[in-house]
Amino acid sequence: MFKGLGGLGDMAGMMKKAQEMQGKMAQLQDEMHNIMVTGESGAGLVKASCTAKGELKTLDIDPSIFNGDDKEVVEDLILAAIKDAQAKASERAQEEMSKLTEGLGLPAGMNLPF
């Protein structure tokens, strides 16, 4: 198709790959809002669920931890569960991005912005 253009044939191929990647990135961005992860603390007494984008969606607290004297402990457990969920969300987002970049032939470990 681009025989008389020297290296421009390769450039056209790269541009096509870039457009393909852009489309897949947009699709992955949308999917990240639907992928849910759950973090927990206190051996499951507090659970926080968020999307792979890190948006907190639910918080489940076992009623057995409610005691007026343990307010600080409960607050710490809630924060720990949320942080755990956010860490898992970040890991999941990186896994999904790795799948995308590998499928496009990009080098492993290439960190693309979200």
C-alpha atoms as a PDB file:
ATOM      1  CA  MET A   1       0.000   0.000   0.000  1.00  0.00           C
ATOM      2  CA  PHE A   2       2.783   2.467   0.929  1.00  0.00           C
ATOM      3  CA  LYS A   3       5.639   0.861  -1.045  1.00  0.00           C
ATOM      4  CA  GLY A   4       7.094   4.037  -2.521  1.00  0.00           C
ATOM      5  CA  LEU A   5       7.053   5.947   0.734  1.00  0.00           C
ATOM      6  CA  GLY A   6       9.993   4.367   2.554  1.00  0.00           C
ATOM      7  CA  GLY A   7       9.481   4.326   6.329  1.00  0.00           C
ATOM      8  CA  LEU A   8       6.041   5.952   6.135  1.00  0.00           C
ATOM      9  CA  GLY A   9       4.395   2.539   5.803  1.00  0.00           C
ATOM     10  CA  ASP A  10       5.684   1.710   9.279  1.00  0.00           C
ATOM     11  CA  MET A  11       4.411   5.066  10.518  1.00  0.00           C
ATOM     12  CA  ALA A  12       0.924   4.283   9.208  1.00  0.00           C
ATOM     13  CA  GLY A  13       1.028   0.965  11.047  1.00  0.00           C
ATOM     14  CA  MET A  14       2.096   2.691  14.251  1.00  0.00           C
ATOM     15  CA  MET A  15      -0.701   5.225  13.905  1.00  0.00           C
ATOM     16  CA  LYS A  16      -3.212   2.438  13.429  1.00  0.00           C
ATOM     17  CA  LYS A  17      -1.890   0.691  16.562  1.00  0.00           C
ATOM     18  CA  ALA A  18      -2.091   3.967  18.512  1.00  0.00           C
ATOM     19  CA  GLN A  19      -5.718   4.466  17.483  1.00  0.00           C
ATOM     20  CA  GLU A  20      -6.518   0.882  18.419  1.00  0.00           C
ATOM     21  CA  MET A  21      -4.886   1.385  21.808  1.00  0.00           C
ATOM     22  CA  GLN A  22      -6.782   4.619  22.366  1.00  0.00           C
ATOM     23  CA  GLY A  23     -10.083   2.838  21.740  1.00  0.00           C
ATOM     24  CA  LYS A  24      -9.173  -0.019  24.066  1.00  0.00           C
ATOM     25  CA  MET A  25      -8.042   2.441  26.756  1.00  0.00           C
ATOM     26  CA  ALA A  26     -11.398   4.239  26.594  1.00  0.00           C
ATOM     27  CA  GLN A  27     -13.218   0.921  26.872  1.00  0.00           C
ATOM     28  CA  LEU A  28     -11.057  -0.108  29.847  1.00  0.00           C
ATOM     29  CA  GLN A  29     -11.759   3.231  31.554  1.00  0.00           C
ATOM     30  CA  ASP A  30     -15.494   2.507  31.321  1.00  0.00           C
ATOM     31  CA  GLU A  31     -15.056  -1.058  32.563  1.00  0.00           C
ATOM     32  CA  MET A  32     -13.094   0.130  35.626  1.00  0.00           C
ATOM     33  CA  HIS A  33     -16.293   1.700  36.968  1.00  0.00           C
ATOM     34  CA  ASN A  34     -17.957  -1.747  36.960  1.00  0.00           C
ATOM     35  CA  ILE A  35     -15.133  -3.850  38.416  1.00  0.00           C
ATOM     36  CA  MET A  36     -15.680  -4.196  42.158  1.00  0.00           C
ATOM     37  CA  VAL A  37     -13.112  -5.148  44.815  1.00  0.00           C
ATOM     38  CA  THR A  38     -13.631  -5.610  48.554  1.00  0.00           C
ATOM     39  CA  GLY A  39     -11.215  -4.776  51.336  1.00  0.00           C
ATOM     40  CA  GLU A  40     -11.659  -5.807  54.930  1.00  0.00           C
ATOM     41  CA  SER A  41     -10.291  -5.368  58.409  1.00  0.00           C
ATOM     42  CA  GLY A  42     -10.864  -6.856  61.844  1.00  0.00           C
ATOM     43  CA  ALA A  43     -11.045 -10.396  60.424  1.00  0.00           C
ATOM     44  CA  GLY A  44     -13.966  -9.391  58.228  1.00  0.00           C
ATOM     45  CA  LEU A  45     -15.868  -7.333  60.798  1.00  0.00           C
ATOM     46  CA  VAL A  46     -15.597  -4.291  58.536  1.00  0.00           C
ATOM     47  CA  LYS A  47     -15.779  -4.594  54.751  1.00  0.00           C
ATOM     48  CA  ALA A  48     -15.474  -1.820  52.184  1.00  0.00           C
ATOM     49  CA  SER A  49     -16.200  -2.280  48.486  1.00  0.00           C
ATOM     50  CA  CYS A  50     -15.076   0.071  45.763  1.00  0.00           C
ATOM     51  CA  THR A  51     -14.663   0.169  42.014  1.00  0.00           C
ATOM     52  CA  ALA A  52     -11.306  -0.458  40.359  1.00  0.00           C
ATOM     53  CA  LYS A  53     -11.187   3.338  39.977  1.00  0.00           C
ATOM     54  CA  GLY A  54     -11.142   3.598  43.800  1.00  0.00           C
ATOM     55  CA  GLU A  55     -14.676   4.964  44.253  1.00  0.00           C
ATOM     56  CA  LEU A  56     -16.112   3.696  47.558  1.00  0.00           C
ATOM     57  CA  LYS A  57     -19.488   2.040  46.953  1.00  0.00           C
ATOM     58  CA  THR A  58     -20.440   0.099  50.086  1.00  0.00           C
ATOM     59  CA  LEU A  59     -19.415  -0.211  53.703  1.00  0.00           C
ATOM     60  CA  ASP A  60     -20.521  -3.222  55.770  1.00  0.00           C
ATOM     61  CA  ILE A  61     -19.983  -3.146  59.532  1.00  0.00           C
ATOM     62  CA  ASP A  62     -20.734  -6.123  61.758  1.00  0.00           C
ATOM     63  CA  PRO A  63     -22.987  -4.874  64.584  1.00  0.00           C
ATOM     64  CA  SER A  64     -20.941  -6.745  67.193  1.00  0.00           C
ATOM     65  CA  ILE A  65     -18.238  -4.053  67.095  1.00  0.00           C
ATOM     66  CA  PHE A  66     -20.547  -1.273  68.259  1.00  0.00           C
ATOM     67  CA  ASN A  67     -19.704  -0.447  71.837  1.00  0.00           C
ATOM     68  CA  GLY A  68     -19.496   3.138  73.025  1.00  0.00           C
ATOM     69  CA  ASP A  69     -16.072   2.558  74.566  1.00  0.00           C
ATOM     70  CA  ASP A  70     -14.579   1.270  71.318  1.00  0.00           C
ATOM     71  CA  LYS A  71     -15.295   4.289  69.093  1.00  0.00           C
ATOM     72  CA  GLU A  72     -11.632   4.791  68.116  1.00  0.00           C
ATOM     73  CA  VAL A  73     -11.173   1.086  67.366  1.00  0.00           C
ATOM     74  CA  VAL A  74     -14.234   1.104  65.095  1.00  0.00           C
ATOM     75  CA  GLU A  75     -12.980   4.206  63.286  1.00  0.00           C
ATOM     76  CA  ASP A  76      -9.580   2.563  62.784  1.00  0.00           C
ATOM     77  CA  LEU A  77     -11.201  -0.607  61.423  1.00  0.00           C
ATOM     78  CA  ILE A  78     -13.300   1.422  58.979  1.00  0.00           C
ATOM     79  CA  LEU A  79     -10.272   3.329  57.714  1.00  0.00           C
ATOM     80  CA  ALA A  80      -8.252   0.114  57.409  1.00  0.00           C
ATOM     81  CA  ALA A  81     -11.006  -1.574  55.359  1.00  0.00           C
ATOM     82  CA  ILE A  82     -11.283   1.433  53.034  1.00  0.00           C
ATOM     83  CA  LYS A  83      -7.515   1.587  52.549  1.00  0.00           C
ATOM     84  CA  ASP A  84      -7.428  -2.149  51.843  1.00  0.00           C
ATOM     85  CA  ALA A  85     -10.185  -1.794  49.235  1.00  0.00           C
ATOM     86  CA  GLN A  86      -8.407   1.138  47.590  1.00  0.00           C
ATOM     87  CA  ALA A  87      -5.112  -0.777  47.475  1.00  0.00           C
ATOM     88  CA  LYS A  88      -6.881  -3.737  45.869  1.00  0.00           C
ATOM     89  CA  ALA A  89      -8.558  -1.377  43.404  1.00  0.00           C
ATOM     90  CA  SER A  90      -5.182   0.030  42.391  1.00  0.00           C
ATOM     91  CA  GLU A  91      -3.728  -3.465  41.961  1.00  0.00           C
ATOM     92  CA  ARG A  92      -6.700  -4.549  39.866  1.00  0.00           C
ATOM     93  CA  ALA A  93      -6.431  -1.458  37.682  1.00  0.00           C
ATOM     94  CA  GLN A  94      -2.742  -2.228  37.073  1.00  0.00           C
ATOM     95  CA  GLU A  95      -3.577  -5.857  36.210  1.00  0.00           C
ATOM     96  CA  GLU A  96      -6.184  -4.748  33.682  1.00  0.00           C
ATOM     97  CA  MET A  97      -3.784  -2.216  32.180  1.00  0.00           C
ATOM     98  CA  SER A  98      -1.072  -4.882  31.898  1.00  0.00           C
ATOM     99  CA  LYS A  99      -3.457  -7.121  29.983  1.00  0.00           C
ATOM    100  CA  LEU A 100      -4.180  -4.268  27.592  1.00  0.00           C
ATOM    101  CA  THR A 101      -0.559  -3.286  26.995  1.00  0.00           C
ATOM    102  CA  GLU A 102       0.559  -6.900  26.510  1.00  0.00           C
ATOM    103  CA  GLY A 103      -2.192  -7.423  23.943  1.00  0.00           C
ATOM    104  CA  LEU A 104      -0.929  -4.431  21.993  1.00  0.00           C
ATOM    105  CA  GLY A 105       2.691  -5.557  22.066  1.00  0.00           C
ATOM    106  CA  LEU A 106       3.885  -2.785  24.375  1.00  0.00           C
ATOM    107  CA  PRO A 107       6.793  -3.452  26.743  1.00  0.00           C
ATOM    108  CA  ALA A 108       5.979  -5.042  30.102  1.00  0.00           C
ATOM    109  CA  GLY A 109       5.889  -2.561  32.959  1.00  0.00           C
ATOM    110  CA  MET A 110       4.987   0.379  30.759  1.00  0.00           C
ATOM    111  CA  ASN A 111       2.941   2.623  33.034  1.00  0.00           C
ATOM    112  CA  LEU A 112       0.287   4.466  31.091  1.00  0.00           C
ATOM    113  CA  PRO A 113      -1.801   7.159  32.760  1.00  0.00           C
ATOM    114  CA  PHE A 114      -5.330   6.490  33.916  1.00  0.00           C
END
